[in-house]
PDB file of N, CA and C in Angstrom:
ATOM      1  N   MET A   1       0.762  -1.193   0.140  1.00  0.00           N
ATOM      2  CA  MET A   1      -0.310   0.230   0.269  1.00  0.00           C
ATOM      3  C   MET A   1       0.805   0.947  -0.426  1.00  0.00           C
ATOM      4  N   GLU A   2       0.217   2.056  -0.762  1.00  0.00           N
ATOM      5  CA  GLU A   2       1.330   3.281  -1.359  1.00  0.00           C
ATOM      6  C   GLU A   2       0.963   3.732   0.112  1.00  0.00           C
ATOM      7  N   LYS A   3       1.962   4.841   0.664  1.00  0.00           N
ATOM      8  CA  LYS A   3       1.887   5.737   1.414  1.00  0.00           C
ATOM      9  C   LYS A   3       1.160   7.660   0.963  1.00  0.00           C
ATOM     10  N   ARG A   4       0.385   7.732   1.594  1.00  0.00           N
ATOM     11  CA  ARG A   4      -0.384   9.241   1.133  1.00  0.00           C
ATOM     12  C   ARG A   4       0.936  10.599   1.629  1.00  0.00           C
ATOM     13  N   SER A   5       1.513  11.079   1.006  1.00  0.00           N
ATOM     14  CA  SER A   5       2.327  12.215   1.325  1.00  0.00           C
ATOM     15  C   SER A   5       1.438  13.400   1.517  1.00  0.00           C
ATOM     16  N   ASP A   6       2.178  14.113   2.614  1.00  0.00           N
ATOM     17  CA  ASP A   6       1.788  15.377   3.500  1.00  0.00           C
ATOM     18  C   ASP A   6       1.266  16.162   2.051  1.00  0.00           C
ATOM     19  N   GLY A   7       0.116  17.000   2.803  1.00  0.00           N
ATOM     20  CA  GLY A   7      -0.306  17.664   1.677  1.00  0.00           C
ATOM     21  C   GLY A   7       0.134  19.313   1.227  1.00  0.00           C
ATOM     22  N   LYS A   8       0.867  19.677   2.695  1.00  0.00           N
ATOM     23  CA  LYS A   8       1.887  20.893   2.868  1.00  0.00           C
ATOM     24  C   LYS A   8       2.855  21.206   1.662  1.00  0.00           C
ATOM     25  N   LEU A   9       3.707  19.502   1.780  1.00  0.00           N
ATOM     26  CA  LEU A   9       4.439  19.698   1.051  1.00  0.00           C
ATOM     27  C   LEU A   9       4.651  18.628  -0.462  1.00  0.00           C
ATOM     28  N   ARG A  10       3.300  18.309  -0.884  1.00  0.00           N
ATOM     29  CA  ARG A  10       2.405  18.462  -2.459  1.00  0.00           C
ATOM     30  C   ARG A  10       2.775  19.299  -2.782  1.00  0.00           C
ATOM     31  N   ILE A  11       2.236  20.119  -1.746  1.00  0.00           N
ATOM     32  CA  ILE A  11       1.917  21.896  -3.025  1.00  0.00           C
ATOM     33  C   ILE A  11       2.619  22.097  -3.203  1.00  0.00           C
ATOM     34  N   LEU A  12       4.028  22.397  -2.126  1.00  0.00           N
ATOM     35  CA  LEU A  12       5.005  22.861  -2.828  1.00  0.00           C
ATOM     36  C   LEU A  12       6.253  22.510  -3.858  1.00  0.00           C
ATOM     37  N   HIS A  13       6.023  20.576  -3.640  1.00  0.00           N
ATOM     38  CA  HIS A  13       6.443  20.661  -5.639  1.00  0.00           C
ATOM     39  C   HIS A  13       5.546  19.983  -6.131  1.00  0.00           C
ATOM     40  N   LEU A  14       4.298  20.787  -6.282  1.00  0.00           N
ATOM     41  CA  LEU A  14       3.486  21.027  -7.020  1.00  0.00           C
ATOM     42  C   LEU A  14       3.723  22.548  -7.931  1.00  0.00           C
ATOM     43  N   ARG A  15       4.480  23.075  -6.970  1.00  0.00           N
ATOM     44  CA  ARG A  15       4.558  24.270  -7.496  1.00  0.00           C
ATOM     45  C   ARG A  15       5.259  24.385  -8.326  1.00  0.00           C
ATOM     46  N   ASP A  16       7.063  23.900  -7.579  1.00  0.00           N
ATOM     47  CA  ASP A  16       8.053  23.282  -8.175  1.00  0.00           C
ATOM     48  C   ASP A  16       8.122  23.608  -9.862  1.00  0.00           C
ATOM     49  N   ILE A  17       6.563  22.102  -9.956  1.00  0.00           N
ATOM     50  CA  ILE A  17       6.939  21.697 -10.989  1.00  0.00           C
ATOM     51  C   ILE A  17       6.141  22.541 -12.290  1.00  0.00           C
ATOM     52  N   MET A  18       5.101  23.268 -11.494  1.00  0.00           N
ATOM     53  CA  MET A  18       4.647  24.621 -12.323  1.00  0.00           C
ATOM     54  C   MET A  18       5.241  25.438 -12.543  1.00  0.00           C
ATOM     55  N   ASN A  19       6.420  25.483 -11.883  1.00  0.00           N
ATOM     56  CA  ASN A  19       6.690  26.969 -12.056  1.00  0.00           C
ATOM     57  C   ASN A  19       8.336  26.332 -13.749  1.00  0.00           C
ATOM     58  N   GLY A  20       7.995  25.198 -13.784  1.00  0.00           N
ATOM     59  CA  GLY A  20       8.640  24.442 -15.403  1.00  0.00           C
ATOM     60  C   GLY A  20       7.645  24.027 -16.063  1.00  0.00           C
ATOM     61  N   CYS A  21       6.286  24.817 -15.875  1.00  0.00           N
ATOM     62  CA  CYS A  21       5.417  24.414 -17.428  1.00  0.00           C
ATOM     63  C   CYS A  21       5.280  26.053 -18.004  1.00  0.00           C
ATOM     64  N   ASP A  22       5.702  27.029 -17.902  1.00  0.00           N
ATOM     65  CA  ASP A  22       5.501  28.369 -18.683  1.00  0.00           C
ATOM     66  C   ASP A  22       4.992  28.294 -19.626  1.00  0.00           C
ATOM     67  N   GLY A  23       4.129  28.610 -20.193  1.00  0.00           N
ATOM     68  CA  GLY A  23       3.179  28.461 -21.571  1.00  0.00           C
ATOM     69  C   GLY A  23       2.370  27.761 -21.894  1.00  0.00           C
ATOM     70  N   VAL A  24       1.274  27.957 -22.794  1.00  0.00           N
ATOM     71  CA  VAL A  24       0.495  26.972 -23.410  1.00  0.00           C
ATOM     72  C   VAL A  24       1.584  25.602 -23.921  1.00  0.00           C
ATOM     73  N   GLU A  25       3.045  26.294 -24.752  1.00  0.00           N
ATOM     74  CA  GLU A  25       3.418  25.150 -25.561  1.00  0.00           C
ATOM     75  C   GLU A  25       4.618  24.484 -24.332  1.00  0.00           C
ATOM     76  N   ARG A  26       4.036  24.794 -23.574  1.00  0.00           N
ATOM     77  CA  ARG A  26       4.798  23.162 -22.689  1.00  0.00           C
ATOM     78  C   ARG A  26       3.970  23.170 -21.048  1.00  0.00           C
ATOM     79  N   ALA A  27       2.568  22.581 -21.336  1.00  0.00           N
ATOM     80  CA  ALA A  27       1.520  22.563 -20.666  1.00  0.00           C
ATOM     81  C   ALA A  27       1.612  20.824 -20.356  1.00  0.00           C
ATOM     82  N   ILE A  28       1.165  20.408 -19.058  1.00  0.00           N
ATOM     83  CA  ILE A  28       1.529  19.327 -19.193  1.00  0.00           C
ATOM     84  C   ILE A  28      -0.410  18.696 -18.353  1.00  0.00           C
ATOM     85  N   THR A  29      -0.432  17.269 -18.626  1.00  0.00           N
ATOM     86  CA  THR A  29      -1.927  16.525 -18.377  1.00  0.00           C
ATOM     87  C   THR A  29      -1.839  16.265 -16.676  1.00  0.00           C
ATOM     88  N   MET A  30      -2.633  15.387 -15.748  1.00  0.00           N
ATOM     89  CA  MET A  30      -2.480  15.472 -14.922  1.00  0.00           C
ATOM     90  C   MET A  30      -2.018  14.606 -14.489  1.00  0.00           C
ATOM     91  N   ALA A  31      -2.062  13.500 -15.654  1.00  0.00           N
ATOM     92  CA  ALA A  31      -1.570  11.777 -15.681  1.00  0.00           C
ATOM     93  C   ALA A  31       0.046  12.649 -15.395  1.00  0.00           C
ATOM     94  N   GLU A  32       0.522  13.597 -16.155  1.00  0.00           N
ATOM     95  CA  GLU A  32       2.344  13.746 -16.253  1.00  0.00           C
ATOM     96  C   GLU A  32       2.699  14.535 -15.075  1.00  0.00           C
ATOM     97  N   LEU A  33       1.492  15.426 -13.924  1.00  0.00           N
ATOM     98  CA  LEU A  33       1.878  15.891 -13.404  1.00  0.00           C
ATOM     99  C   LEU A  33       1.648  15.218 -12.036  1.00  0.00           C
ATOM    100  N   LEU A  34       0.828  13.668 -12.038  1.00  0.00           N
ATOM    101  CA  LEU A  34       0.839  13.185 -11.471  1.00  0.00           C
ATOM    102  C   LEU A  34       2.630  12.090 -10.777  1.00  0.00           C
ATOM    103  N   SER A  35       2.640  11.321 -12.197  1.00  0.00           N
ATOM    104  CA  SER A  35       3.710  10.886 -12.596  1.00  0.00           C
ATOM    105  C   SER A  35       5.090  12.090 -12.377  1.00  0.00           C
ATOM    106  N   LEU A  36       4.969  13.458 -12.264  1.00  0.00           N
ATOM    107  CA  LEU A  36       6.384  14.132 -11.763  1.00  0.00           C
ATOM    108  C   LEU A  36       6.314  13.879 -10.942  1.00  0.00           C
ATOM    109  N   LEU A  37       4.967  13.818  -9.610  1.00  0.00           N
ATOM    110  CA  LEU A  37       4.980  14.108  -7.904  1.00  0.00           C
ATOM    111  C   LEU A  37       6.229  12.732  -7.677  1.00  0.00           C
ATOM    112  N   GLY A  38       5.137  11.833  -8.624  1.00  0.00           N
ATOM    113  CA  GLY A  38       5.744  10.169  -7.822  1.00  0.00           C
ATOM    114  C   GLY A  38       7.148  10.258  -7.523  1.00  0.00           C
ATOM    115  N   ASP A  39       7.643  10.771  -9.068  1.00  0.00           N
ATOM    116  CA  ASP A  39       9.682  10.798  -9.356  1.00  0.00           C
ATOM    117  C   ASP A  39       9.707  11.401  -7.979  1.00  0.00           C
ATOM    118  N   ARG A  40       9.161  12.576  -7.290  1.00  0.00           N
ATOM    119  CA  ARG A  40       9.359  13.276  -6.091  1.00  0.00           C
ATOM    120  C   ARG A  40       9.171  11.987  -4.877  1.00  0.00           C
ATOM    121  N   GLY A  41       8.911  11.094  -4.986  1.00  0.00           N
ATOM    122  CA  GLY A  41       8.164  10.142  -3.778  1.00  0.00           C
ATOM    123  C   GLY A  41       6.698  11.210  -3.129  1.00  0.00           C
ATOM    124  N   VAL A  42       6.185  11.856  -4.284  1.00  0.00           N
ATOM    125  CA  VAL A  42       5.076  12.315  -2.944  1.00  0.00           C
ATOM    126  C   VAL A  42       3.818  11.366  -4.123  1.00  0.00           C
ATOM    127  N   PHE A  43       3.460  10.830  -3.571  1.00  0.00           N
ATOM    128  CA  PHE A  43       2.137  10.179  -3.674  1.00  0.00           C
ATOM    129  C   PHE A  43       0.688  11.013  -3.717  1.00  0.00           C
ATOM    130  N   ALA A  44       0.072  11.245  -4.787  1.00  0.00           N
ATOM    131  CA  ALA A  44      -1.907  11.762  -4.447  1.00  0.00           C
ATOM    132  C   ALA A  44      -2.526  11.993  -5.059  1.00  0.00           C
ATOM    133  N   GLU A  45      -4.050  11.224  -5.371  1.00  0.00           N
ATOM    134  CA  GLU A  45      -4.963  11.670  -5.887  1.00  0.00           C
ATOM    135  C   GLU A  45      -5.126  12.231  -6.471  1.00  0.00           C
ATOM    136  N   ARG A  46      -5.671  11.993  -7.745  1.00  0.00           N
ATOM    137  CA  ARG A  46      -6.339  13.387  -8.779  1.00  0.00           C
ATOM    138  C   ARG A  46      -6.782  14.222  -8.604  1.00  0.00           C
ATOM    139  N   LYS A  47      -8.048  14.149  -7.410  1.00  0.00           N
ATOM    140  CA  LYS A  47      -8.118  15.503  -6.836  1.00  0.00           C
ATOM    141  C   LYS A  47      -7.868  15.747  -5.398  1.00  0.00           C
ATOM    142  N   SER A  48      -7.039  15.660  -4.866  1.00  0.00           N
ATOM    143  CA  SER A  48      -6.116  16.038  -4.116  1.00  0.00           C
ATOM    144  C   SER A  48      -4.801  17.458  -4.499  1.00  0.00           C
ATOM    145  N   VAL A  49      -5.097  17.023  -5.750  1.00  0.00           N
ATOM    146  CA  VAL A  49      -3.528  17.746  -6.877  1.00  0.00           C
ATOM    147  C   VAL A  49      -5.104  18.770  -7.640  1.00  0.00           C
ATOM    148  N   TYR A  50      -6.399  18.595  -8.009  1.00  0.00           N
ATOM    149  CA  TYR A  50      -6.687  19.506  -8.528  1.00  0.00           C
ATOM    150  C   TYR A  50      -7.261  20.660  -7.193  1.00  0.00           C
ATOM    151  N   GLU A  51      -7.382  19.967  -6.174  1.00  0.00           N
ATOM    152  CA  GLU A  51      -7.155  21.444  -5.104  1.00  0.00           C
ATOM    153  C   GLU A  51      -6.288  22.002  -4.996  1.00  0.00           C
ATOM    154  N   ASP A  52      -5.088  21.438  -4.470  1.00  0.00           N
ATOM    155  CA  ASP A  52      -3.668  22.063  -4.651  1.00  0.00           C
ATOM    156  C   ASP A  52      -3.729  22.707  -6.139  1.00  0.00           C
ATOM    157  N   LEU A  53      -4.546  22.956  -6.206  1.00  0.00           N
ATOM    158  CA  LEU A  53      -3.854  24.161  -7.677  1.00  0.00           C
ATOM    159  C   LEU A  53      -5.170  24.984  -7.818  1.00  0.00           C
ATOM    160  N   LYS A  54      -6.053  24.649  -7.210  1.00  0.00           N
ATOM    161  CA  LYS A  54      -7.287  25.588  -6.821  1.00  0.00           C
ATOM    162  C   LYS A  54      -6.234  26.300  -5.608  1.00  0.00           C
ATOM    163  N   LEU A  55      -5.866  26.070  -4.848  1.00  0.00           N
ATOM    164  CA  LEU A  55      -5.277  26.835  -3.705  1.00  0.00           C
ATOM    165  C   LEU A  55      -4.170  27.325  -4.523  1.00  0.00           C
ATOM    166  N   LEU A  56      -2.914  27.120  -5.501  1.00  0.00           N
ATOM    167  CA  LEU A  56      -2.284  27.897  -5.267  1.00  0.00           C
ATOM    168  C   LEU A  56      -2.831  29.144  -6.765  1.00  0.00           C
ATOM    169  N   ARG A  57      -4.111  28.759  -7.308  1.00  0.00           N
ATOM    170  CA  ARG A  57      -4.769  29.893  -7.818  1.00  0.00           C
ATOM    171  C   ARG A  57      -4.487  30.772  -6.782  1.00  0.00           C
ATOM    172  N   ARG A  58      -5.786  30.382  -6.352  1.00  0.00           N
ATOM    173  CA  ARG A  58      -5.836  31.858  -4.305  1.00  0.00           C
ATOM    174  C   ARG A  58      -4.688  32.364  -3.883  1.00  0.00           C
ATOM    175  N   TYR A  59      -3.550  31.260  -4.069  1.00  0.00           N
ATOM    176  CA  TYR A  59      -2.412  32.298  -3.587  1.00  0.00           C
ATOM    177  C   TYR A  59      -1.841  33.045  -4.745  1.00  0.00           C
ATOM    178  N   GLY A  60      -2.223  33.387  -5.747  1.00  0.00           N
ATOM    179  CA  GLY A  60      -1.986  34.027  -6.733  1.00  0.00           C
ATOM    180  C   GLY A  60      -1.011  33.925  -8.047  1.00  0.00           C
ATOM    181  N   MET A  61      -0.500  32.304  -7.958  1.00  0.00           N
ATOM    182  CA  MET A  61      -0.652  31.257  -9.299  1.00  0.00           C
ATOM    183  C   MET A  61      -1.299  31.732 -10.430  1.00  0.00           C
ATOM    184  N   LYS A  62      -1.124  31.899 -11.683  1.00  0.00           N
ATOM    185  CA  LYS A  62      -1.929  32.389 -12.683  1.00  0.00           C
ATOM    186  C   LYS A  62      -1.218  30.799 -13.227  1.00  0.00           C
ATOM    187  N   ILE A  63      -1.794  29.950 -12.794  1.00  0.00           N
ATOM    188  CA  ILE A  63      -2.445  28.942 -13.837  1.00  0.00           C
ATOM    189  C   ILE A  63      -3.145  29.183 -14.753  1.00  0.00           C
ATOM    190  N   GLY A  64      -3.012  28.736 -16.148  1.00  0.00           N
ATOM    191  CA  GLY A  64      -4.192  28.265 -16.538  1.00  0.00           C
ATOM    192  C   GLY A  64      -4.688  27.072 -17.250  1.00  0.00           C
ATOM    193  N   ARG A  65      -5.962  26.541 -17.668  1.00  0.00           N
ATOM    194  CA  ARG A  65      -5.746  24.932 -18.328  1.00  0.00           C
ATOM    195  C   ARG A  65      -6.195  25.403 -19.626  1.00  0.00           C
ATOM    196  N   THR A  66      -5.419  24.031 -20.501  1.00  0.00           N
ATOM    197  CA  THR A  66      -6.285  24.318 -21.863  1.00  0.00           C
ATOM    198  C   THR A  66      -6.801  22.689 -22.461  1.00  0.00           C
ATOM    199  N   CYS A  67      -7.926  22.739 -23.097  1.00  0.00           N
ATOM    200  CA  CYS A  67      -7.995  21.181 -24.024  1.00  0.00           C
ATOM    201  C   CYS A  67      -7.432  21.071 -25.117  1.00  0.00           C
ATOM    202  N   ARG A  68      -7.165  19.924 -25.295  1.00  0.00           N
ATOM    203  CA  ARG A  68      -6.120  19.274 -26.122  1.00  0.00           C
ATOM    204  C   ARG A  68      -6.581  18.402 -26.259  1.00  0.00           C
ATOM    205  N   GLY A  69      -7.610  17.828 -27.242  1.00  0.00           N
ATOM    206  CA  GLY A  69      -7.053  16.633 -27.944  1.00  0.00           C
ATOM    207  C   GLY A  69      -8.982  15.944 -26.284  1.00  0.00           C
ATOM    208  N   ARG A  70      -8.811  15.180 -25.837  1.00  0.00           N
ATOM    209  CA  ARG A  70      -9.507  13.957 -24.908  1.00  0.00           C
ATOM    210  C   ARG A  70      -9.110  15.089 -23.852  1.00  0.00           C
ATOM    211  N   TYR A  71      -7.945  15.720 -23.192  1.00  0.00           N
ATOM    212  CA  TYR A  71      -7.724  15.972 -21.812  1.00  0.00           C
ATOM    213  C   TYR A  71      -7.091  17.058 -21.801  1.00  0.00           C
ATOM    214  N   SER A  72      -7.650  17.623 -21.105  1.00  0.00           N
ATOM    215  CA  SER A  72      -6.326  19.058 -20.066  1.00  0.00           C
ATOM    216  C   SER A  72      -5.688  19.034 -19.797  1.00  0.00           C
ATOM    217  N   ARG A  73      -4.973  20.534 -19.839  1.00  0.00           N
ATOM    218  CA  ARG A  73      -3.177  20.443 -19.911  1.00  0.00           C
ATOM    219  C   ARG A  73      -3.545  21.962 -19.064  1.00  0.00           C
ATOM    220  N   TYR A  74      -2.634  21.585 -18.596  1.00  0.00           N
ATOM    221  CA  TYR A  74      -2.088  22.930 -17.083  1.00  0.00           C
ATOM    222  C   TYR A  74      -0.849  23.350 -17.515  1.00  0.00           C
ATOM    223  N   TYR A  75      -0.638  24.566 -16.632  1.00  0.00           N
ATOM    224  CA  TYR A  75       0.090  25.381 -17.687  1.00  0.00           C
ATOM    225  C   TYR A  75       0.812  26.959 -16.741  1.00  0.00           C
ATOM    226  N   GLN A  76       1.218  27.203 -16.317  1.00  0.00           N
ATOM    227  CA  GLN A  76       1.774  28.994 -15.549  1.00  0.00           C
ATOM    228  C   GLN A  76       1.429  29.428 -16.964  1.00  0.00           C
ATOM    229  N   GLU A  77       0.544  30.686 -16.879  1.00  0.00           N
ATOM    230  CA  GLU A  77       0.383  31.596 -17.560  1.00  0.00           C
ATOM    231  C   GLU A  77       2.014  32.641 -17.179  1.00  0.00           C
ATOM    232  N   LYS A  78       2.772  32.928 -18.580  1.00  0.00           N
ATOM    233  CA  LYS A  78       3.812  34.015 -19.157  1.00  0.00           C
ATOM    234  C   LYS A  78       2.704  35.475 -18.461  1.00  0.00           C
TER     235      LYS A  78
END
């Protein structure tokens, strides 16, 4: 069974990942976000990451969403 990561640490890792996704051309899917978090040893559920993205927006990060094909992609607006 996977250990769930601390939410505070998860949101910091998510912020770092989103800082590397600047602009629509570097947008990433939720599956890619979860994979990148997993590479950092942070295991999260999709719904938790959606909530974290909302919190980052409230904090002031400009996180955009675009739909290419079937999946939404997330990026940090320039």
